[in-house]
Structures are given as C-alpha cells and as structure tokens.
PDB file of N, CA and C in Angstrom:
ATOM      1  N   UNK A   1      -5.352   8.465 -25.487  1.00  0.00           N
ATOM      2  CA  UNK A   1      -6.916   7.787 -25.002  1.00  0.00           C
ATOM      3  C   UNK A   1      -6.543   7.494 -23.776  1.00  0.00           C
ATOM      4  N   UNK A   2      -7.142   8.043 -22.404  1.00  0.00           N
ATOM      5  CA  UNK A   2      -6.759   8.080 -21.338  1.00  0.00           C
ATOM      6  C   UNK A   2      -7.315   6.130 -21.037  1.00  0.00           C
ATOM      7  N   UNK A   3      -6.837   6.018 -20.144  1.00  0.00           N
ATOM      8  CA  UNK A   3      -7.298   4.916 -19.309  1.00  0.00           C
ATOM      9  C   UNK A   3      -8.783   4.552 -17.883  1.00  0.00           C
ATOM     10  N   UNK A   4      -9.299   4.062 -18.293  1.00  0.00           N
ATOM     11  CA  UNK A   4     -10.572   4.026 -17.191  1.00  0.00           C
ATOM     12  C   UNK A   4     -10.690   3.078 -16.291  1.00  0.00           C
ATOM     13  N   UNK A   5     -10.952   3.235 -14.710  1.00  0.00           N
ATOM     14  CA  UNK A   5     -11.414   1.826 -14.119  1.00  0.00           C
ATOM     15  C   UNK A   5     -12.406   2.633 -13.503  1.00  0.00           C
ATOM     16  N   UNK A   6     -13.102   1.430 -13.024  1.00  0.00           N
ATOM     17  CA  UNK A   6     -14.548   1.541 -12.292  1.00  0.00           C
ATOM     18  C   UNK A   6     -15.124   1.072 -11.061  1.00  0.00           C
ATOM     19  N   UNK A   7     -15.567   1.988 -10.207  1.00  0.00           N
ATOM     20  CA  UNK A   7     -15.875   1.425  -8.604  1.00  0.00           C
ATOM     21  C   UNK A   7     -17.097   1.335  -8.925  1.00  0.00           C
ATOM     22  N   UNK A   8     -17.804   0.559  -7.911  1.00  0.00           N
ATOM     23  CA  UNK A   8     -19.142  -0.194  -7.818  1.00  0.00           C
ATOM     24  C   UNK A   8     -19.412  -0.487  -5.849  1.00  0.00           C
ATOM     25  N   UNK A   9     -20.678  -0.044  -6.241  1.00  0.00           N
ATOM     26  CA  UNK A   9     -20.742   0.317  -4.695  1.00  0.00           C
ATOM     27  C   UNK A   9     -22.593   0.057  -4.885  1.00  0.00           C
ATOM     28  N   UNK A  10     -23.131  -1.287  -4.765  1.00  0.00           N
ATOM     29  CA  UNK A  10     -24.825  -1.466  -4.747  1.00  0.00           C
ATOM     30  C   UNK A  10     -24.859  -1.199  -6.183  1.00  0.00           C
ATOM     31  N   UNK A  11     -25.878  -0.686  -6.832  1.00  0.00           N
ATOM     32  CA  UNK A  11     -26.064  -0.168  -8.133  1.00  0.00           C
ATOM     33  C   UNK A  11     -25.321   1.414  -8.905  1.00  0.00           C
ATOM     34  N   UNK A  12     -24.277   1.705  -7.750  1.00  0.00           N
ATOM     35  CA  UNK A  12     -23.172   2.869  -8.303  1.00  0.00           C
ATOM     36  C   UNK A  12     -21.919   2.803  -8.709  1.00  0.00           C
ATOM     37  N   UNK A  13     -21.827   3.258 -10.174  1.00  0.00           N
ATOM     38  CA  UNK A  13     -20.625   3.160 -10.413  1.00  0.00           C
ATOM     39  C   UNK A  13     -20.598   4.206 -10.644  1.00  0.00           C
ATOM     40  N   UNK A  14     -18.545   4.191 -10.359  1.00  0.00           N
ATOM     41  CA  UNK A  14     -18.257   5.731 -10.494  1.00  0.00           C
ATOM     42  C   UNK A  14     -17.129   5.360 -11.452  1.00  0.00           C
ATOM     43  N   UNK A  15     -16.848   5.946 -12.244  1.00  0.00           N
ATOM     44  CA  UNK A  15     -15.697   6.193 -13.710  1.00  0.00           C
ATOM     45  C   UNK A  15     -14.319   6.617 -13.044  1.00  0.00           C
ATOM     46  N   UNK A  16     -13.255   6.174 -13.210  1.00  0.00           N
ATOM     47  CA  UNK A  16     -11.823   7.390 -12.724  1.00  0.00           C
ATOM     48  C   UNK A  16     -10.930   7.173 -13.743  1.00  0.00           C
ATOM     49  N   UNK A  17     -10.165   7.673 -14.040  1.00  0.00           N
ATOM     50  CA  UNK A  17      -9.096   7.704 -14.650  1.00  0.00           C
ATOM     51  C   UNK A  17      -8.111   6.801 -13.934  1.00  0.00           C
ATOM     52  N   UNK A  18      -7.217   5.827 -14.635  1.00  0.00           N
ATOM     53  CA  UNK A  18      -6.690   4.835 -13.814  1.00  0.00           C
ATOM     54  C   UNK A  18      -5.853   5.226 -13.104  1.00  0.00           C
ATOM     55  N   UNK A  19      -5.107   7.126 -13.848  1.00  0.00           N
ATOM     56  CA  UNK A  19      -3.605   7.314 -12.798  1.00  0.00           C
ATOM     57  C   UNK A  19      -3.861   7.909 -11.456  1.00  0.00           C
ATOM     58  N   UNK A  20      -5.474   7.805 -11.700  1.00  0.00           N
ATOM     59  CA  UNK A  20      -5.872   9.268 -10.477  1.00  0.00           C
ATOM     60  C   UNK A  20      -6.068   8.244  -8.696  1.00  0.00           C
ATOM     61  N   UNK A  21      -4.275   8.116  -8.290  1.00  0.00           N
ATOM     62  CA  UNK A  21      -4.838   6.730  -7.539  1.00  0.00           C
ATOM     63  C   UNK A  21      -5.392   7.965  -6.079  1.00  0.00           C
ATOM     64  N   UNK A  22      -5.363   9.191  -5.945  1.00  0.00           N
ATOM     65  CA  UNK A  22      -5.992   9.800  -4.835  1.00  0.00           C
ATOM     66  C   UNK A  22      -7.236   9.164  -4.485  1.00  0.00           C
ATOM     67  N   UNK A  23      -8.410   9.672  -6.211  1.00  0.00           N
ATOM     68  CA  UNK A  23      -9.549   9.368  -5.371  1.00  0.00           C
ATOM     69  C   UNK A  23      -9.865   8.074  -5.701  1.00  0.00           C
ATOM     70  N   UNK A  24      -9.035   6.769  -6.116  1.00  0.00           N
ATOM     71  CA  UNK A  24      -8.894   5.879  -5.882  1.00  0.00           C
ATOM     72  C   UNK A  24      -8.997   5.137  -4.128  1.00  0.00           C
ATOM     73  N   UNK A  25      -8.042   5.556  -4.103  1.00  0.00           N
ATOM     74  CA  UNK A  25      -7.702   5.470  -2.266  1.00  0.00           C
ATOM     75  C   UNK A  25      -9.043   6.041  -1.975  1.00  0.00           C
ATOM     76  N   UNK A  26      -9.723   7.397  -1.721  1.00  0.00           N
ATOM     77  CA  UNK A  26     -11.000   7.679  -1.317  1.00  0.00           C
ATOM     78  C   UNK A  26     -11.855   6.778  -1.734  1.00  0.00           C
ATOM     79  N   UNK A  27     -12.438   6.303  -2.555  1.00  0.00           N
ATOM     80  CA  UNK A  27     -13.211   5.849  -2.869  1.00  0.00           C
ATOM     81  C   UNK A  27     -13.580   3.948  -2.371  1.00  0.00           C
ATOM     82  N   UNK A  28     -11.831   3.680  -2.129  1.00  0.00           N
ATOM     83  CA  UNK A  28     -11.740   2.361  -1.153  1.00  0.00           C
ATOM     84  C   UNK A  28     -12.303   2.712  -0.241  1.00  0.00           C
ATOM     85  N   UNK A  29     -12.137   3.379   0.667  1.00  0.00           N
ATOM     86  CA  UNK A  29     -12.466   3.733   1.534  1.00  0.00           C
ATOM     87  C   UNK A  29     -13.582   3.984   2.359  1.00  0.00           C
ATOM     88  N   UNK A  30     -14.709   4.340   1.528  1.00  0.00           N
ATOM     89  CA  UNK A  30     -15.983   4.883   0.908  1.00  0.00           C
ATOM     90  C   UNK A  30     -16.175   3.444   0.746  1.00  0.00           C
ATOM     91  N   UNK A  31     -16.176   1.883   0.755  1.00  0.00           N
ATOM     92  CA  UNK A  31     -16.823   1.140   0.687  1.00  0.00           C
ATOM     93  C   UNK A  31     -16.775   0.557  -1.057  1.00  0.00           C
ATOM     94  N   UNK A  32     -16.586   1.291  -1.678  1.00  0.00           N
ATOM     95  CA  UNK A  32     -16.528   0.996  -3.430  1.00  0.00           C
ATOM     96  C   UNK A  32     -15.670  -0.005  -3.714  1.00  0.00           C
ATOM     97  N   UNK A  33     -16.038  -1.062  -4.743  1.00  0.00           N
ATOM     98  CA  UNK A  33     -14.843  -1.509  -4.753  1.00  0.00           C
ATOM     99  C   UNK A  33     -14.964  -1.832  -6.077  1.00  0.00           C
ATOM    100  N   UNK A  34     -13.366  -1.877  -6.189  1.00  0.00           N
ATOM    101  CA  UNK A  34     -12.834  -1.590  -7.665  1.00  0.00           C
ATOM    102  C   UNK A  34     -13.086  -2.862  -8.779  1.00  0.00           C
ATOM    103  N   UNK A  35     -13.474  -2.603  -9.697  1.00  0.00           N
ATOM    104  CA  UNK A  35     -13.610  -3.467 -10.990  1.00  0.00           C
ATOM    105  C   UNK A  35     -13.143  -4.177 -11.626  1.00  0.00           C
ATOM    106  N   UNK A  36     -13.034  -5.636 -12.185  1.00  0.00           N
ATOM    107  CA  UNK A  36     -12.279  -6.347 -13.176  1.00  0.00           C
ATOM    108  C   UNK A  36     -12.217  -5.666 -14.328  1.00  0.00           C
ATOM    109  N   UNK A  37     -12.933  -4.638 -14.982  1.00  0.00           N
ATOM    110  CA  UNK A  37     -12.940  -4.032 -15.581  1.00  0.00           C
ATOM    111  C   UNK A  37     -11.933  -2.785 -16.276  1.00  0.00           C
ATOM    112  N   UNK A  38     -11.536  -2.647 -17.106  1.00  0.00           N
ATOM    113  CA  UNK A  38     -10.639  -1.513 -17.145  1.00  0.00           C
ATOM    114  C   UNK A  38     -10.750  -1.246 -18.947  1.00  0.00           C
ATOM    115  N   UNK A  39     -11.290   0.425 -19.182  1.00  0.00           N
ATOM    116  CA  UNK A  39     -11.108   0.507 -20.393  1.00  0.00           C
ATOM    117  C   UNK A  39     -10.331   1.622 -21.250  1.00  0.00           C
ATOM    118  N   UNK A  40     -10.270   2.188 -22.512  1.00  0.00           N
ATOM    119  CA  UNK A  40      -9.508   3.347 -23.480  1.00  0.00           C
ATOM    120  C   UNK A  40     -10.491   3.710 -24.016  1.00  0.00           C
ATOM    121  N   UNK A  41     -10.933   5.144 -23.391  1.00  0.00           N
ATOM    122  CA  UNK A  41     -12.035   5.674 -24.191  1.00  0.00           C
ATOM    123  C   UNK A  41     -11.382   7.120 -23.958  1.00  0.00           C
ATOM    124  N   UNK A  42     -12.640   7.830 -24.891  1.00  0.00           N
ATOM    125  CA  UNK A  42     -12.048   9.594 -25.469  1.00  0.00           C
ATOM    126  C   UNK A  42     -12.136  10.428 -23.723  1.00  0.00           C
ATOM    127  N   UNK A  43     -13.821   9.901 -22.954  1.00  0.00           N
ATOM    128  CA  UNK A  43     -14.177  10.496 -21.872  1.00  0.00           C
ATOM    129  C   UNK A  43     -14.903   9.504 -20.786  1.00  0.00           C
ATOM    130  N   UNK A  44     -15.004  10.173 -20.102  1.00  0.00           N
ATOM    131  CA  UNK A  44     -15.420   9.518 -18.998  1.00  0.00           C
ATOM    132  C   UNK A  44     -17.302   8.810 -19.306  1.00  0.00           C
ATOM    133  N   UNK A  45     -17.967   9.514 -19.806  1.00  0.00           N
ATOM    134  CA  UNK A  45     -19.514   9.083 -20.634  1.00  0.00           C
ATOM    135  C   UNK A  45     -19.124   7.929 -21.321  1.00  0.00           C
ATOM    136  N   UNK A  46     -18.145   7.759 -22.461  1.00  0.00           N
ATOM    137  CA  UNK A  46     -17.901   6.976 -23.397  1.00  0.00           C
ATOM    138  C   UNK A  46     -17.250   5.322 -22.255  1.00  0.00           C
ATOM    139  N   UNK A  47     -16.593   5.578 -21.562  1.00  0.00           N
ATOM    140  CA  UNK A  47     -15.736   4.733 -20.740  1.00  0.00           C
ATOM    141  C   UNK A  47     -16.799   3.606 -19.985  1.00  0.00           C
ATOM    142  N   UNK A  48     -17.852   4.592 -19.785  1.00  0.00           N
ATOM    143  CA  UNK A  48     -19.435   4.378 -18.763  1.00  0.00           C
ATOM    144  C   UNK A  48     -19.725   3.347 -19.866  1.00  0.00           C
ATOM    145  N   UNK A  49     -20.379   3.551 -21.083  1.00  0.00           N
ATOM    146  CA  UNK A  49     -20.735   2.965 -21.973  1.00  0.00           C
ATOM    147  C   UNK A  49     -20.221   1.301 -22.320  1.00  0.00           C
ATOM    148  N   UNK A  50     -19.028   1.903 -22.675  1.00  0.00           N
ATOM    149  CA  UNK A  50     -18.507   0.354 -22.758  1.00  0.00           C
ATOM    150  C   UNK A  50     -18.864  -0.652 -21.447  1.00  0.00           C
ATOM    151  N   UNK A  51     -18.501  -0.049 -20.154  1.00  0.00           N
ATOM    152  CA  UNK A  51     -18.460  -0.537 -19.657  1.00  0.00           C
ATOM    153  C   UNK A  51     -19.671  -1.680 -19.348  1.00  0.00           C
ATOM    154  N   UNK A  52     -20.920  -0.866 -20.121  1.00  0.00           N
ATOM    155  CA  UNK A  52     -22.441  -1.489 -19.498  1.00  0.00           C
ATOM    156  C   UNK A  52     -22.542  -2.424 -20.614  1.00  0.00           C
ATOM    157  N   UNK A  53     -21.800  -1.737 -21.778  1.00  0.00           N
ATOM    158  CA  UNK A  53     -21.685  -2.796 -23.159  1.00  0.00           C
ATOM    159  C   UNK A  53     -20.873  -4.711 -22.309  1.00  0.00           C
ATOM    160  N   UNK A  54     -19.498  -4.414 -21.802  1.00  0.00           N
ATOM    161  CA  UNK A  54     -19.117  -5.578 -21.002  1.00  0.00           C
ATOM    162  C   UNK A  54     -19.817  -6.525 -20.358  1.00  0.00           C
ATOM    163  N   UNK A  55     -20.551  -5.498 -19.768  1.00  0.00           N
ATOM    164  CA  UNK A  55     -21.455  -6.173 -18.376  1.00  0.00           C
ATOM    165  C   UNK A  55     -22.578  -6.976 -18.731  1.00  0.00           C
ATOM    166  N   UNK A  56     -23.342  -6.164 -20.420  1.00  0.00           N
ATOM    167  CA  UNK A  56     -24.366  -6.711 -21.172  1.00  0.00           C
ATOM    168  C   UNK A  56     -23.903  -8.000 -21.698  1.00  0.00           C
ATOM    169  N   UNK A  57     -23.091  -8.039 -22.513  1.00  0.00           N
ATOM    170  CA  UNK A  57     -22.124  -9.008 -23.287  1.00  0.00           C
ATOM    171  C   UNK A  57     -21.972 -10.377 -22.631  1.00  0.00           C
ATOM    172  N   UNK A  58     -21.560  -9.461 -21.002  1.00  0.00           N
ATOM    173  CA  UNK A  58     -21.152 -11.024 -20.019  1.00  0.00           C
ATOM    174  C   UNK A  58     -22.144 -11.584 -19.599  1.00  0.00           C
ATOM    175  N   UNK A  59     -23.950 -10.887 -19.301  1.00  0.00           N
ATOM    176  CA  UNK A  59     -24.983 -11.691 -19.302  1.00  0.00           C
ATOM    177  C   UNK A  59     -25.093 -12.274 -19.972  1.00  0.00           C
ATOM    178  N   UNK A  60     -25.135 -12.126 -21.241  1.00  0.00           N
ATOM    179  CA  UNK A  60     -25.980 -12.388 -22.634  1.00  0.00           C
ATOM    180  C   UNK A  60     -24.744 -14.190 -22.826  1.00  0.00           C
ATOM    181  N   UNK A  61     -23.642 -13.784 -22.639  1.00  0.00           N
ATOM    182  CA  UNK A  61     -22.348 -14.916 -22.369  1.00  0.00           C
ATOM    183  C   UNK A  61     -23.083 -16.537 -21.201  1.00  0.00           C
ATOM    184  N   UNK A  62     -23.111 -15.586 -20.403  1.00  0.00           N
ATOM    185  CA  UNK A  62     -23.834 -16.360 -19.082  1.00  0.00           C
ATOM    186  C   UNK A  62     -25.104 -17.190 -19.477  1.00  0.00           C
ATOM    187  N   UNK A  63     -26.292 -16.512 -19.672  1.00  0.00           N
ATOM    188  CA  UNK A  63     -27.359 -16.860 -20.001  1.00  0.00           C
ATOM    189  C   UNK A  63     -27.357 -18.089 -21.708  1.00  0.00           C
ATOM    190  N   UNK A  64     -26.266 -18.024 -22.484  1.00  0.00           N
ATOM    191  CA  UNK A  64     -26.376 -18.563 -23.367  1.00  0.00           C
ATOM    192  C   UNK A  64     -25.532 -20.248 -22.773  1.00  0.00           C
ATOM    193  N   UNK A  65     -24.614 -19.888 -22.548  1.00  0.00           N
ATOM    194  CA  UNK A  65     -24.187 -21.148 -21.558  1.00  0.00           C
ATOM    195  C   UNK A  65     -25.120 -21.481 -20.997  1.00  0.00           C
ATOM    196  N   UNK A  66     -25.821 -21.395 -20.154  1.00  0.00           N
ATOM    197  CA  UNK A  66     -27.166 -22.311 -19.217  1.00  0.00           C
ATOM    198  C   UNK A  66     -27.271 -22.843 -20.181  1.00  0.00           C
ATOM    199  N   UNK A  67     -27.818 -21.959 -21.308  1.00  0.00           N
ATOM    200  CA  UNK A  67     -28.903 -22.868 -22.672  1.00  0.00           C
ATOM    201  C   UNK A  67     -28.322 -24.200 -22.689  1.00  0.00           C
ATOM    202  N   UNK A  68     -27.037 -23.401 -23.000  1.00  0.00           N
ATOM    203  CA  UNK A  68     -26.752 -24.939 -23.539  1.00  0.00           C
ATOM    204  C   UNK A  68     -26.407 -26.138 -22.869  1.00  0.00           C
ATOM    205  N   UNK A  69     -25.683 -25.695 -22.031  1.00  0.00           N
ATOM    206  CA  UNK A  69     -25.737 -26.976 -20.497  1.00  0.00           C
ATOM    207  C   UNK A  69     -27.133 -27.537 -20.181  1.00  0.00           C
ATOM    208  N   UNK A  70     -27.829 -26.595 -20.833  1.00  0.00           N
ATOM    209  CA  UNK A  70     -29.565 -27.722 -20.045  1.00  0.00           C
ATOM    210  C   UNK A  70     -29.602 -28.333 -21.538  1.00  0.00           C
ATOM    211  N   UNK A  71     -29.639 -28.010 -23.067  1.00  0.00           N
ATOM    212  CA  UNK A  71     -29.779 -28.580 -24.298  1.00  0.00           C
ATOM    213  C   UNK A  71     -28.969 -29.327 -25.122  1.00  0.00           C
ATOM    214  N   UNK A  72     -27.796 -29.460 -24.102  1.00  0.00           N
ATOM    215  CA  UNK A  72     -26.602 -29.903 -24.969  1.00  0.00           C
ATOM    216  C   UNK A  72     -27.234 -31.806 -24.388  1.00  0.00           C
ATOM    217  N   UNK A  73     -27.485 -32.277 -22.844  1.00  0.00           N
ATOM    218  CA  UNK A  73     -27.743 -33.199 -22.612  1.00  0.00           C
ATOM    219  C   UNK A  73     -28.983 -33.819 -22.858  1.00  0.00           C
ATOM    220  N   UNK A  74     -30.438 -32.813 -23.637  1.00  0.00           N
ATOM    221  CA  UNK A  74     -31.417 -33.327 -23.148  1.00  0.00           C
ATOM    222  C   UNK A  74     -31.385 -33.995 -25.181  1.00  0.00           C
ATOM    223  N   UNK A  75     -30.069 -33.076 -26.022  1.00  0.00           N
ATOM    224  CA  UNK A  75     -29.853 -33.874 -27.260  1.00  0.00           C
ATOM    225  C   UNK A  75     -29.514 -34.737 -27.361  1.00  0.00           C
ATOM    226  N   UNK A  76     -28.679 -34.894 -26.735  1.00  0.00           N
ATOM    227  CA  UNK A  76     -27.827 -36.479 -26.030  1.00  0.00           C
ATOM    228  C   UNK A  76     -29.246 -37.496 -26.144  1.00  0.00           C
ATOM    229  N   UNK A  77     -29.596 -37.344 -25.036  1.00  0.00           N
ATOM    230  CA  UNK A  77     -30.680 -38.149 -24.580  1.00  0.00           C
ATOM    231  C   UNK A  77     -31.251 -38.703 -25.929  1.00  0.00           C
ATOM    232  N   UNK A  78     -32.631 -37.438 -26.069  1.00  0.00           N
ATOM    233  CA  UNK A  78     -33.424 -37.804 -27.669  1.00  0.00           C
ATOM    234  C   UNK A  78     -31.949 -38.640 -29.216  1.00  0.00           C
ATOM    235  N   UNK A  79     -30.679 -37.850 -28.830  1.00  0.00           N
ATOM    236  CA  UNK A  79     -30.884 -39.348 -30.101  1.00  0.00           C
ATOM    237  C   UNK A  79     -30.747 -40.524 -29.449  1.00  0.00           C
ATOM    238  N   UNK A  80     -30.329 -40.052 -28.333  1.00  0.00           N
ATOM    239  CA  UNK A  80     -29.766 -42.011 -27.626  1.00  0.00           C
ATOM    240  C   UNK A  80     -30.760 -42.960 -28.120  1.00  0.00           C
ATOM    241  N   UNK A  81     -32.732 -42.557 -28.318  1.00  0.00           N
ATOM    242  CA  UNK A  81     -33.561 -42.784 -27.449  1.00  0.00           C
ATOM    243  C   UNK A  81     -34.087 -43.238 -29.267  1.00  0.00           C
ATOM    244  N   UNK A  82     -33.594 -42.495 -30.521  1.00  0.00           N
ATOM    245  CA  UNK A  82     -34.193 -42.444 -31.940  1.00  0.00           C
ATOM    246  C   UNK A  82     -33.428 -43.332 -32.461  1.00  0.00           C
ATOM    247  N   UNK A  83     -31.788 -43.621 -31.762  1.00  0.00           N
ATOM    248  CA  UNK A  83     -30.941 -44.981 -32.453  1.00  0.00           C
ATOM    249  C   UNK A  83     -31.651 -45.672 -31.877  1.00  0.00           C
ATOM    250  N   UNK A  84     -32.243 -45.884 -30.207  1.00  0.00           N
ATOM    251  CA  UNK A  84     -32.658 -47.648 -30.146  1.00  0.00           C
ATOM    252  C   UNK A  84     -33.883 -47.757 -30.768  1.00  0.00           C
ATOM    253  N   UNK A  85     -34.757 -46.761 -31.123  1.00  0.00           N
ATOM    254  CA  UNK A  85     -35.726 -47.081 -31.760  1.00  0.00           C
ATOM    255  C   UNK A  85     -35.537 -47.750 -33.427  1.00  0.00           C
ATOM    256  N   UNK A  86     -34.708 -46.945 -33.820  1.00  0.00           N
ATOM    257  CA  UNK A  86     -33.615 -47.331 -35.212  1.00  0.00           C
ATOM    258  C   UNK A  86     -33.652 -48.861 -35.437  1.00  0.00           C
ATOM    259  N   UNK A  87     -32.849 -49.341 -34.323  1.00  0.00           N
ATOM    260  CA  UNK A  87     -32.213 -50.448 -34.404  1.00  0.00           C
ATOM    261  C   UNK A  87     -33.447 -51.602 -33.429  1.00  0.00           C
ATOM    262  N   UNK A  88     -34.017 -51.080 -33.422  1.00  0.00           N
ATOM    263  CA  UNK A  88     -34.773 -52.515 -33.331  1.00  0.00           C
ATOM    264  C   UNK A  88     -35.985 -52.883 -34.205  1.00  0.00           C
ATOM    265  N   UNK A  89     -35.947 -52.178 -35.274  1.00  0.00           N
ATOM    266  CA  UNK A  89     -36.949 -52.238 -36.714  1.00  0.00           C
ATOM    267  C   UNK A  89     -35.804 -53.299 -37.196  1.00  0.00           C
TER     268      UNK A  89
END
C-alpha cells in the first residue's frame, strides 16, 4: 500500500502519494501547508477517509481533555467540602 500525505489550504484538502515530489513542490508554491499526518491506504479515497477519522478523533480527545480539566478540580473541591462536613459532626 502506498503512503499518502496531506496538504491543506483553508478548508480544501489535497491527498498526494508521499513519493510525488513534483506535485508536493507545486502545492507548496501555491500556498498549501503540508499536514503532519501520513497514512498508508489502498487509494486516495481511503487515505482521505482515514485523515478525516484522525482529525475527528483528535477533536474528541481535545474535548474530553478539556472536560476532564474542568471536572477534576470541581470534584476535588466537592470532596474537600464533604470531608469538612463529616469531620465537624
């Protein structure tokens, strides 16, 4: 299976085989930015679908991290309050 890399400009994403240096240079000249992700896939269509999955998982992970960053201190505060209430009795 060939390896594919991705280039983005705005919301447009272009898929190229990693070995295609001529098209890579042209896209870079046109202002496209090479993305970090590279995947192995059967064809460009499957590579683009995998890229979308990777990006979706990344957004979910960021959301879950932020939710945990907010929830954990709140849980700690509530635990401290509960402990203080039980100690007073």
